[in-house]
PDB file of N, CA and C in Angstrom:
ATOM      1  N   UNK A   1       7.658   4.592  -5.318  1.00  0.00           N
ATOM      2  CA  UNK A   1       7.047   5.672  -5.623  1.00  0.00           C
ATOM      3  C   UNK A   1       7.215   6.684  -4.516  1.00  0.00           C
ATOM      4  N   UNK A   2       7.695   6.504  -3.249  1.00  0.00           N
ATOM      5  CA  UNK A   2       8.076   7.334  -2.315  1.00  0.00           C
ATOM      6  C   UNK A   2       9.095   7.979  -3.366  1.00  0.00           C
ATOM      7  N   UNK A   3      10.197   7.077  -3.516  1.00  0.00           N
ATOM      8  CA  UNK A   3      11.658   8.150  -4.169  1.00  0.00           C
ATOM      9  C   UNK A   3      10.942   9.350  -5.073  1.00  0.00           C
ATOM     10  N   UNK A   4       9.994   8.331  -6.018  1.00  0.00           N
ATOM     11  CA  UNK A   4       9.840  10.026  -6.636  1.00  0.00           C
ATOM     12  C   UNK A   4       9.436  11.211  -6.219  1.00  0.00           C
ATOM     13  N   UNK A   5       8.606  10.296  -5.022  1.00  0.00           N
ATOM     14  CA  UNK A   5       8.176  11.876  -4.334  1.00  0.00           C
ATOM     15  C   UNK A   5       9.002  12.511  -3.492  1.00  0.00           C
ATOM     16  N   UNK A   6       9.442  12.208  -3.194  1.00  0.00           N
ATOM     17  CA  UNK A   6      11.319  12.330  -2.328  1.00  0.00           C
ATOM     18  C   UNK A   6      11.726  13.417  -3.266  1.00  0.00           C
ATOM     19  N   UNK A   7      11.912  13.238  -4.602  1.00  0.00           N
ATOM     20  CA  UNK A   7      12.896  13.596  -5.801  1.00  0.00           C
ATOM     21  C   UNK A   7      11.831  14.961  -6.191  1.00  0.00           C
ATOM     22  N   UNK A   8      10.505  14.867  -6.400  1.00  0.00           N
ATOM     23  CA  UNK A   8       9.702  16.115  -6.452  1.00  0.00           C
ATOM     24  C   UNK A   8       9.950  17.257  -5.563  1.00  0.00           C
ATOM     25  N   UNK A   9       9.763  17.139  -4.230  1.00  0.00           N
ATOM     26  CA  UNK A   9       9.608  17.403  -3.314  1.00  0.00           C
ATOM     27  C   UNK A   9      11.127  18.218  -3.411  1.00  0.00           C
ATOM     28  N   UNK A  10      12.228  17.657  -3.364  1.00  0.00           N
ATOM     29  CA  UNK A  10      13.815  18.013  -3.361  1.00  0.00           C
ATOM     30  C   UNK A  10      14.150  18.441  -4.815  1.00  0.00           C
ATOM     31  N   UNK A  11      12.781  19.097  -5.602  1.00  0.00           N
ATOM     32  CA  UNK A  11      13.277  19.422  -7.148  1.00  0.00           C
ATOM     33  C   UNK A  11      14.372  18.723  -7.861  1.00  0.00           C
ATOM     34  N   UNK A  12      14.945  16.635  -7.661  1.00  0.00           N
ATOM     35  CA  UNK A  12      16.088  16.542  -8.106  1.00  0.00           C
ATOM     36  C   UNK A  12      15.218  15.489  -9.439  1.00  0.00           C
ATOM     37  N   UNK A  13      16.716  15.917 -10.320  1.00  0.00           N
ATOM     38  CA  UNK A  13      15.318  15.430 -11.605  1.00  0.00           C
ATOM     39  C   UNK A  13      16.878  13.692 -12.035  1.00  0.00           C
ATOM     40  N   UNK A  14      17.387  13.964 -11.330  1.00  0.00           N
ATOM     41  CA  UNK A  14      18.851  12.738 -12.154  1.00  0.00           C
ATOM     42  C   UNK A  14      18.501  11.782 -11.168  1.00  0.00           C
ATOM     43  N   UNK A  15      19.096  10.318 -11.334  1.00  0.00           N
ATOM     44  CA  UNK A  15      19.274   9.930 -10.465  1.00  0.00           C
ATOM     45  C   UNK A  15      20.715   9.210  -9.973  1.00  0.00           C
ATOM     46  N   UNK A  16      21.640  10.209  -9.857  1.00  0.00           N
ATOM     47  CA  UNK A  16      22.793   9.885  -9.385  1.00  0.00           C
ATOM     48  C   UNK A  16      22.363   9.560  -8.235  1.00  0.00           C
ATOM     49  N   UNK A  17      21.697  10.610  -6.741  1.00  0.00           N
ATOM     50  CA  UNK A  17      21.415  10.521  -5.732  1.00  0.00           C
ATOM     51  C   UNK A  17      19.859   9.215  -5.274  1.00  0.00           C
ATOM     52  N   UNK A  18      19.742   7.919  -5.890  1.00  0.00           N
ATOM     53  CA  UNK A  18      18.701   7.683  -5.773  1.00  0.00           C
ATOM     54  C   UNK A  18      19.533   6.829  -3.896  1.00  0.00           C
ATOM     55  N   UNK A  19      20.497   5.936  -4.156  1.00  0.00           N
ATOM     56  CA  UNK A  19      20.971   5.245  -3.449  1.00  0.00           C
ATOM     57  C   UNK A  19      21.024   6.119  -1.760  1.00  0.00           C
ATOM     58  N   UNK A  20      21.042   7.116  -2.106  1.00  0.00           N
ATOM     59  CA  UNK A  20      21.563   8.237  -0.903  1.00  0.00           C
ATOM     60  C   UNK A  20      19.843   8.726  -0.472  1.00  0.00           C
ATOM     61  N   UNK A  21      19.081   9.285  -1.586  1.00  0.00           N
ATOM     62  CA  UNK A  21      17.603   9.507  -1.349  1.00  0.00           C
ATOM     63  C   UNK A  21      16.963   8.144  -0.158  1.00  0.00           C
ATOM     64  N   UNK A  22      17.657   7.257  -0.450  1.00  0.00           N
ATOM     65  CA  UNK A  22      16.157   5.641  -0.307  1.00  0.00           C
ATOM     66  C   UNK A  22      16.900   5.600   1.068  1.00  0.00           C
ATOM     67  N   UNK A  23      17.990   5.633   1.223  1.00  0.00           N
ATOM     68  CA  UNK A  23      18.653   5.754   2.602  1.00  0.00           C
ATOM     69  C   UNK A  23      17.532   6.889   3.470  1.00  0.00           C
ATOM     70  N   UNK A  24      17.564   7.626   3.087  1.00  0.00           N
ATOM     71  CA  UNK A  24      16.878   9.206   3.994  1.00  0.00           C
ATOM     72  C   UNK A  24      15.670   8.713   3.807  1.00  0.00           C
ATOM     73  N   UNK A  25      14.683   7.805   3.259  1.00  0.00           N
ATOM     74  CA  UNK A  25      13.180   7.674   3.143  1.00  0.00           C
ATOM     75  C   UNK A  25      13.416   6.740   4.231  1.00  0.00           C
ATOM     76  N   UNK A  26      14.870   5.397   4.291  1.00  0.00           N
ATOM     77  CA  UNK A  26      14.245   4.435   5.135  1.00  0.00           C
ATOM     78  C   UNK A  26      14.814   4.753   6.961  1.00  0.00           C
ATOM     79  N   UNK A  27      15.274   6.095   6.876  1.00  0.00           N
ATOM     80  CA  UNK A  27      15.610   6.660   8.202  1.00  0.00           C
ATOM     81  C   UNK A  27      14.408   7.082   8.387  1.00  0.00           C
ATOM     82  N   UNK A  28      13.772   7.866   8.197  1.00  0.00           N
ATOM     83  CA  UNK A  28      13.146   9.444   8.186  1.00  0.00           C
ATOM     84  C   UNK A  28      11.621   8.382   8.460  1.00  0.00           C
ATOM     85  N   UNK A  29      11.447   6.648   7.559  1.00  0.00           N
ATOM     86  CA  UNK A  29      10.093   5.817   8.260  1.00  0.00           C
ATOM     87  C   UNK A  29      10.494   5.681   9.481  1.00  0.00           C
ATOM     88  N   UNK A  30      11.774   4.727   9.859  1.00  0.00           N
ATOM     89  CA  UNK A  30      12.001   4.919  11.468  1.00  0.00           C
ATOM     90  C   UNK A  30      12.055   5.347  12.306  1.00  0.00           C
ATOM     91  N   UNK A  31      12.189   6.453  12.251  1.00  0.00           N
ATOM     92  CA  UNK A  31      12.243   7.550  13.107  1.00  0.00           C
ATOM     93  C   UNK A  31      10.485   7.893  13.236  1.00  0.00           C
ATOM     94  N   UNK A  32       9.476   7.651  12.021  1.00  0.00           N
ATOM     95  CA  UNK A  32       8.712   8.444  12.574  1.00  0.00           C
ATOM     96  C   UNK A  32       7.569   7.382  13.478  1.00  0.00           C
ATOM     97  N   UNK A  33       7.921   6.244  13.042  1.00  0.00           N
ATOM     98  CA  UNK A  33       7.506   5.345  13.182  1.00  0.00           C
ATOM     99  C   UNK A  33       8.064   4.969  15.028  1.00  0.00           C
ATOM    100  N   UNK A  34       8.872   5.343  15.079  1.00  0.00           N
ATOM    101  CA  UNK A  34       9.605   5.586  16.721  1.00  0.00           C
ATOM    102  C   UNK A  34       8.351   6.190  17.274  1.00  0.00           C
ATOM    103  N   UNK A  35       8.535   7.508  16.547  1.00  0.00           N
ATOM    104  CA  UNK A  35       7.695   9.180  17.388  1.00  0.00           C
ATOM    105  C   UNK A  35       6.265   8.308  17.680  1.00  0.00           C
ATOM    106  N   UNK A  36       5.379   7.648  16.771  1.00  0.00           N
ATOM    107  CA  UNK A  36       4.423   7.565  16.376  1.00  0.00           C
ATOM    108  C   UNK A  36       3.914   6.305  17.625  1.00  0.00           C
ATOM    109  N   UNK A  37       5.485   4.954  17.666  1.00  0.00           N
ATOM    110  CA  UNK A  37       4.127   3.846  18.109  1.00  0.00           C
ATOM    111  C   UNK A  37       3.788   2.494  17.450  1.00  0.00           C
ATOM    112  N   UNK A  38       4.273   2.581  15.929  1.00  0.00           N
ATOM    113  CA  UNK A  38       3.476   1.900  15.274  1.00  0.00           C
ATOM    114  C   UNK A  38       4.010   2.422  13.750  1.00  0.00           C
ATOM    115  N   UNK A  39       3.945   1.319  13.055  1.00  0.00           N
ATOM    116  CA  UNK A  39       4.049   1.569  11.497  1.00  0.00           C
ATOM    117  C   UNK A  39       3.183   2.419  10.313  1.00  0.00           C
ATOM    118  N   UNK A  40       3.280   3.455   9.889  1.00  0.00           N
ATOM    119  CA  UNK A  40       3.007   3.972   9.311  1.00  0.00           C
ATOM    120  C   UNK A  40       2.549   3.726   7.720  1.00  0.00           C
ATOM    121  N   UNK A  41       1.668   4.133   6.873  1.00  0.00           N
ATOM    122  CA  UNK A  41       1.256   3.883   5.931  1.00  0.00           C
ATOM    123  C   UNK A  41       1.889   4.784   5.210  1.00  0.00           C
ATOM    124  N   UNK A  42       3.313   5.209   4.253  1.00  0.00           N
ATOM    125  CA  UNK A  42       3.405   5.917   3.972  1.00  0.00           C
ATOM    126  C   UNK A  42       3.171   5.999   2.501  1.00  0.00           C
ATOM    127  N   UNK A  43       2.781   5.314   1.585  1.00  0.00           N
ATOM    128  CA  UNK A  43       2.398   5.406   0.261  1.00  0.00           C
ATOM    129  C   UNK A  43       1.148   6.220   0.257  1.00  0.00           C
ATOM    130  N   UNK A  44       0.010   6.478   0.861  1.00  0.00           N
ATOM    131  CA  UNK A  44      -1.065   6.739   0.771  1.00  0.00           C
ATOM    132  C   UNK A  44      -0.603   8.714   1.240  1.00  0.00           C
ATOM    133  N   UNK A  45      -1.058   9.464   0.315  1.00  0.00           N
ATOM    134  CA  UNK A  45      -1.203  10.922   1.058  1.00  0.00           C
ATOM    135  C   UNK A  45      -1.813  11.012   2.390  1.00  0.00           C
ATOM    136  N   UNK A  46      -1.428  11.937   3.157  1.00  0.00           N
ATOM    137  CA  UNK A  46      -2.008  12.601   4.467  1.00  0.00           C
ATOM    138  C   UNK A  46      -0.856  12.754   5.415  1.00  0.00           C
ATOM    139  N   UNK A  47      -1.323  13.144   6.641  1.00  0.00           N
ATOM    140  CA  UNK A  47      -0.040  13.195   7.624  1.00  0.00           C
ATOM    141  C   UNK A  47       1.266  13.366   7.978  1.00  0.00           C
ATOM    142  N   UNK A  48       1.104  11.012   7.264  1.00  0.00           N
ATOM    143  CA  UNK A  48       2.418  10.601   7.348  1.00  0.00           C
ATOM    144  C   UNK A  48       3.456  10.621   6.518  1.00  0.00           C
ATOM    145  N   UNK A  49       2.330  11.049   5.286  1.00  0.00           N
ATOM    146  CA  UNK A  49       3.477  11.058   4.057  1.00  0.00           C
ATOM    147  C   UNK A  49       4.375  12.161   3.595  1.00  0.00           C
ATOM    148  N   UNK A  50       3.489  13.070   3.991  1.00  0.00           N
ATOM    149  CA  UNK A  50       3.737  14.701   4.262  1.00  0.00           C
ATOM    150  C   UNK A  50       4.861  15.469   5.339  1.00  0.00           C
ATOM    151  N   UNK A  51       4.807  14.572   6.326  1.00  0.00           N
ATOM    152  CA  UNK A  51       5.990  14.852   7.515  1.00  0.00           C
ATOM    153  C   UNK A  51       7.127  13.477   7.506  1.00  0.00           C
ATOM    154  N   UNK A  52       6.855  12.251   5.911  1.00  0.00           N
ATOM    155  CA  UNK A  52       8.137  11.923   6.112  1.00  0.00           C
ATOM    156  C   UNK A  52       8.915  12.891   4.866  1.00  0.00           C
ATOM    157  N   UNK A  53       7.931  13.687   3.666  1.00  0.00           N
ATOM    158  CA  UNK A  53       8.345  14.436   3.154  1.00  0.00           C
ATOM    159  C   UNK A  53       9.211  15.634   3.257  1.00  0.00           C
ATOM    160  N   UNK A  54       8.358  15.799   4.439  1.00  0.00           N
ATOM    161  CA  UNK A  54       9.486  17.236   5.235  1.00  0.00           C
ATOM    162  C   UNK A  54      10.452  16.565   5.840  1.00  0.00           C
ATOM    163  N   UNK A  55      10.752  15.189   6.379  1.00  0.00           N
ATOM    164  CA  UNK A  55      12.135  14.992   6.909  1.00  0.00           C
ATOM    165  C   UNK A  55      13.040  14.944   6.186  1.00  0.00           C
ATOM    166  N   UNK A  56      12.988  14.293   5.060  1.00  0.00           N
ATOM    167  CA  UNK A  56      13.562  14.362   4.229  1.00  0.00           C
ATOM    168  C   UNK A  56      14.129  14.989   3.314  1.00  0.00           C
ATOM    169  N   UNK A  57      13.612  16.157   3.664  1.00  0.00           N
ATOM    170  CA  UNK A  57      13.739  17.307   3.092  1.00  0.00           C
ATOM    171  C   UNK A  57      14.497  18.664   3.576  1.00  0.00           C
ATOM    172  N   UNK A  58      14.394  17.695   5.836  1.00  0.00           N
ATOM    173  CA  UNK A  58      15.434  18.553   6.064  1.00  0.00           C
ATOM    174  C   UNK A  58      17.112  17.717   6.332  1.00  0.00           C
ATOM    175  N   UNK A  59      16.763  16.593   6.839  1.00  0.00           N
ATOM    176  CA  UNK A  59      17.924  15.716   6.114  1.00  0.00           C
ATOM    177  C   UNK A  59      18.578  15.942   4.916  1.00  0.00           C
ATOM    178  N   UNK A  60      18.438  15.992   3.745  1.00  0.00           N
ATOM    179  CA  UNK A  60      18.612  16.446   2.336  1.00  0.00           C
ATOM    180  C   UNK A  60      20.107  18.063   2.414  1.00  0.00           C
ATOM    181  N   UNK A  61      19.089  18.605   3.443  1.00  0.00           N
ATOM    182  CA  UNK A  61      19.514  20.238   3.274  1.00  0.00           C
ATOM    183  C   UNK A  61      20.309  20.272   4.683  1.00  0.00           C
ATOM    184  N   UNK A  62      20.669  19.049   5.220  1.00  0.00           N
ATOM    185  CA  UNK A  62      22.134  18.716   7.035  1.00  0.00           C
ATOM    186  C   UNK A  62      21.314  19.958   7.383  1.00  0.00           C
ATOM    187  N   UNK A  63      19.543  19.981   7.950  1.00  0.00           N
ATOM    188  CA  UNK A  63      19.269  20.761   9.164  1.00  0.00           C
ATOM    189  C   UNK A  63      17.581  19.858  10.333  1.00  0.00           C
ATOM    190  N   UNK A  64      18.327  18.202   9.728  1.00  0.00           N
ATOM    191  CA  UNK A  64      17.388  17.099  10.802  1.00  0.00           C
ATOM    192  C   UNK A  64      17.636  17.655  12.021  1.00  0.00           C
ATOM    193  N   UNK A  65      18.107  18.578  12.773  1.00  0.00           N
ATOM    194  CA  UNK A  65      18.335  18.988  14.295  1.00  0.00           C
ATOM    195  C   UNK A  65      17.045  19.937  14.277  1.00  0.00           C
ATOM    196  N   UNK A  66      16.863  20.005  13.174  1.00  0.00           N
ATOM    197  CA  UNK A  66      15.748  21.192  12.961  1.00  0.00           C
ATOM    198  C   UNK A  66      14.057  19.986  13.085  1.00  0.00           C
ATOM    199  N   UNK A  67      13.948  19.215  12.553  1.00  0.00           N
ATOM    200  CA  UNK A  67      12.668  18.513  12.443  1.00  0.00           C
ATOM    201  C   UNK A  67      11.828  18.309  13.476  1.00  0.00           C
ATOM    202  N   UNK A  68      12.157  18.176  14.623  1.00  0.00           N
ATOM    203  CA  UNK A  68      10.872  17.694  15.585  1.00  0.00           C
ATOM    204  C   UNK A  68      10.860  18.876  16.157  1.00  0.00           C
ATOM    205  N   UNK A  69      11.560  19.591  15.795  1.00  0.00           N
ATOM    206  CA  UNK A  69      11.014  21.273  16.287  1.00  0.00           C
ATOM    207  C   UNK A  69      10.440  22.555  15.748  1.00  0.00           C
ATOM    208  N   UNK A  70      10.571  22.136  14.717  1.00  0.00           N
ATOM    209  CA  UNK A  70       9.434  22.670  13.458  1.00  0.00           C
ATOM    210  C   UNK A  70       8.690  22.152  13.375  1.00  0.00           C
ATOM    211  N   UNK A  71       8.457  20.896  13.456  1.00  0.00           N
ATOM    212  CA  UNK A  71       6.785  20.046  13.362  1.00  0.00           C
ATOM    213  C   UNK A  71       6.641  19.250  14.266  1.00  0.00           C
ATOM    214  N   UNK A  72       6.744  20.102  15.793  1.00  0.00           N
ATOM    215  CA  UNK A  72       6.322  19.474  16.530  1.00  0.00           C
ATOM    216  C   UNK A  72       4.508  19.506  16.561  1.00  0.00           C
ATOM    217  N   UNK A  73       3.913  19.853  16.009  1.00  0.00           N
ATOM    218  CA  UNK A  73       2.604  20.363  16.334  1.00  0.00           C
ATOM    219  C   UNK A  73       1.873  19.383  14.879  1.00  0.00           C
ATOM    220  N   UNK A  74       2.352  19.073  13.798  1.00  0.00           N
ATOM    221  CA  UNK A  74       2.276  17.856  12.802  1.00  0.00           C
ATOM    222  C   UNK A  74       2.455  16.688  13.476  1.00  0.00           C
ATOM    223  N   UNK A  75       3.446  16.539  14.529  1.00  0.00           N
ATOM    224  CA  UNK A  75       3.989  15.199  14.989  1.00  0.00           C
ATOM    225  C   UNK A  75       2.846  14.827  16.444  1.00  0.00           C
ATOM    226  N   UNK A  76       2.848  15.987  16.529  1.00  0.00           N
ATOM    227  CA  UNK A  76       1.872  15.226  18.120  1.00  0.00           C
ATOM    228  C   UNK A  76       0.540  15.564  17.207  1.00  0.00           C
ATOM    229  N   UNK A  77       0.179  16.015  16.335  1.00  0.00           N
ATOM    230  CA  UNK A  77      -1.608  15.763  15.983  1.00  0.00           C
ATOM    231  C   UNK A  77      -1.434  14.186  15.087  1.00  0.00           C
ATOM    232  N   UNK A  78      -0.483  14.220  14.325  1.00  0.00           N
ATOM    233  CA  UNK A  78      -1.033  12.363  14.098  1.00  0.00           C
ATOM    234  C   UNK A  78      -0.503  11.667  15.191  1.00  0.00           C
ATOM    235  N   UNK A  79      -0.041  12.218  16.144  1.00  0.00           N
ATOM    236  CA  UNK A  79      -0.058  11.365  17.496  1.00  0.00           C
ATOM    237  C   UNK A  79      -1.347  10.466  17.519  1.00  0.00           C
ATOM    238  N   UNK A  80      -1.833  11.891  18.267  1.00  0.00           N
ATOM    239  CA  UNK A  80      -3.401  11.808  18.822  1.00  0.00           C
ATOM    240  C   UNK A  80      -4.293  11.421  17.662  1.00  0.00           C
ATOM    241  N   UNK A  81      -4.070  11.445  16.179  1.00  0.00           N
ATOM    242  CA  UNK A  81      -4.839  10.421  15.557  1.00  0.00           C
ATOM    243  C   UNK A  81      -4.490   9.226  15.744  1.00  0.00           C
ATOM    244  N   UNK A  82      -3.441   8.870  15.406  1.00  0.00           N
ATOM    245  CA  UNK A  82      -3.176   7.118  15.390  1.00  0.00           C
ATOM    246  C   UNK A  82      -3.436   6.687  17.129  1.00  0.00           C
ATOM    247  N   UNK A  83      -3.491   7.196  18.183  1.00  0.00           N
ATOM    248  CA  UNK A  83      -4.102   7.026  19.183  1.00  0.00           C
ATOM    249  C   UNK A  83      -5.464   6.661  19.399  1.00  0.00           C
ATOM    250  N   UNK A  84      -6.651   7.889  18.660  1.00  0.00           N
ATOM    251  CA  UNK A  84      -7.439   7.696  18.070  1.00  0.00           C
ATOM    252  C   UNK A  84      -8.237   6.585  17.567  1.00  0.00           C
ATOM    253  N   UNK A  85      -7.476   6.397  16.355  1.00  0.00           N
ATOM    254  CA  UNK A  85      -7.823   5.211  15.786  1.00  0.00           C
ATOM    255  C   UNK A  85      -7.140   3.963  16.533  1.00  0.00           C
ATOM    256  N   UNK A  86      -6.351   3.892  17.269  1.00  0.00           N
ATOM    257  CA  UNK A  86      -6.039   2.804  17.788  1.00  0.00           C
ATOM    258  C   UNK A  86      -7.081   2.205  19.043  1.00  0.00           C
ATOM    259  N   UNK A  87      -7.600   3.835  19.278  1.00  0.00           N
ATOM    260  CA  UNK A  87      -9.034   2.997  20.271  1.00  0.00           C
ATOM    261  C   UNK A  87      -9.880   2.903  19.562  1.00  0.00           C
ATOM    262  N   UNK A  88     -10.338   3.269  18.679  1.00  0.00           N
ATOM    263  CA  UNK A  88     -11.818   2.303  17.893  1.00  0.00           C
ATOM    264  C   UNK A  88     -11.432   1.335  17.170  1.00  0.00           C
ATOM    265  N   UNK A  89     -10.351   0.923  17.039  1.00  0.00           N
ATOM    266  CA  UNK A  89     -10.349  -0.426  16.607  1.00  0.00           C
ATOM    267  C   UNK A  89     -10.419  -1.452  17.581  1.00  0.00           C
ATOM    268  N   UNK A  90      -9.813  -1.396  18.365  1.00  0.00           N
ATOM    269  CA  UNK A  90      -9.958  -2.013  19.178  1.00  0.00           C
ATOM    270  C   UNK A  90     -11.562  -1.928  20.776  1.00  0.00           C
ATOM    271  N   UNK A  91     -12.105  -1.259  19.785  1.00  0.00           N
ATOM    272  CA  UNK A  91     -13.630  -0.934  20.521  1.00  0.00           C
ATOM    273  C   UNK A  91     -13.259   0.016  22.108  1.00  0.00           C
ATOM    274  N   UNK A  92     -12.829   0.320  22.703  1.00  0.00           N
ATOM    275  CA  UNK A  92     -11.994   0.896  23.526  1.00  0.00           C
ATOM    276  C   UNK A  92     -13.075   2.424  22.980  1.00  0.00           C
ATOM    277  N   UNK A  93     -14.066   2.747  24.013  1.00  0.00           N
ATOM    278  CA  UNK A  93     -14.102   4.800  24.225  1.00  0.00           C
ATOM    279  C   UNK A  93     -15.147   5.184  23.152  1.00  0.00           C
TER     280      UNK A  93
END
């Protein structure tokens, strides 16, 4: 499913780049999971999926060095959401 979403985001209708795109998706997941400190669910619509698609777009267009800078607010917002959910889950606060 993520491959199809990334292809749609990048307006790619051919299959020649699937291997490259799958690699981008895996790198994006690893990077975002590291930033958040947990493994996120990218299959359901929401901020995590949005960030994954954006990071793949930046990676595909050779502009990855700008991703964290340009999406700092969204990254911070998701980090805070993850932290708040973690506190709720363990009964704190």
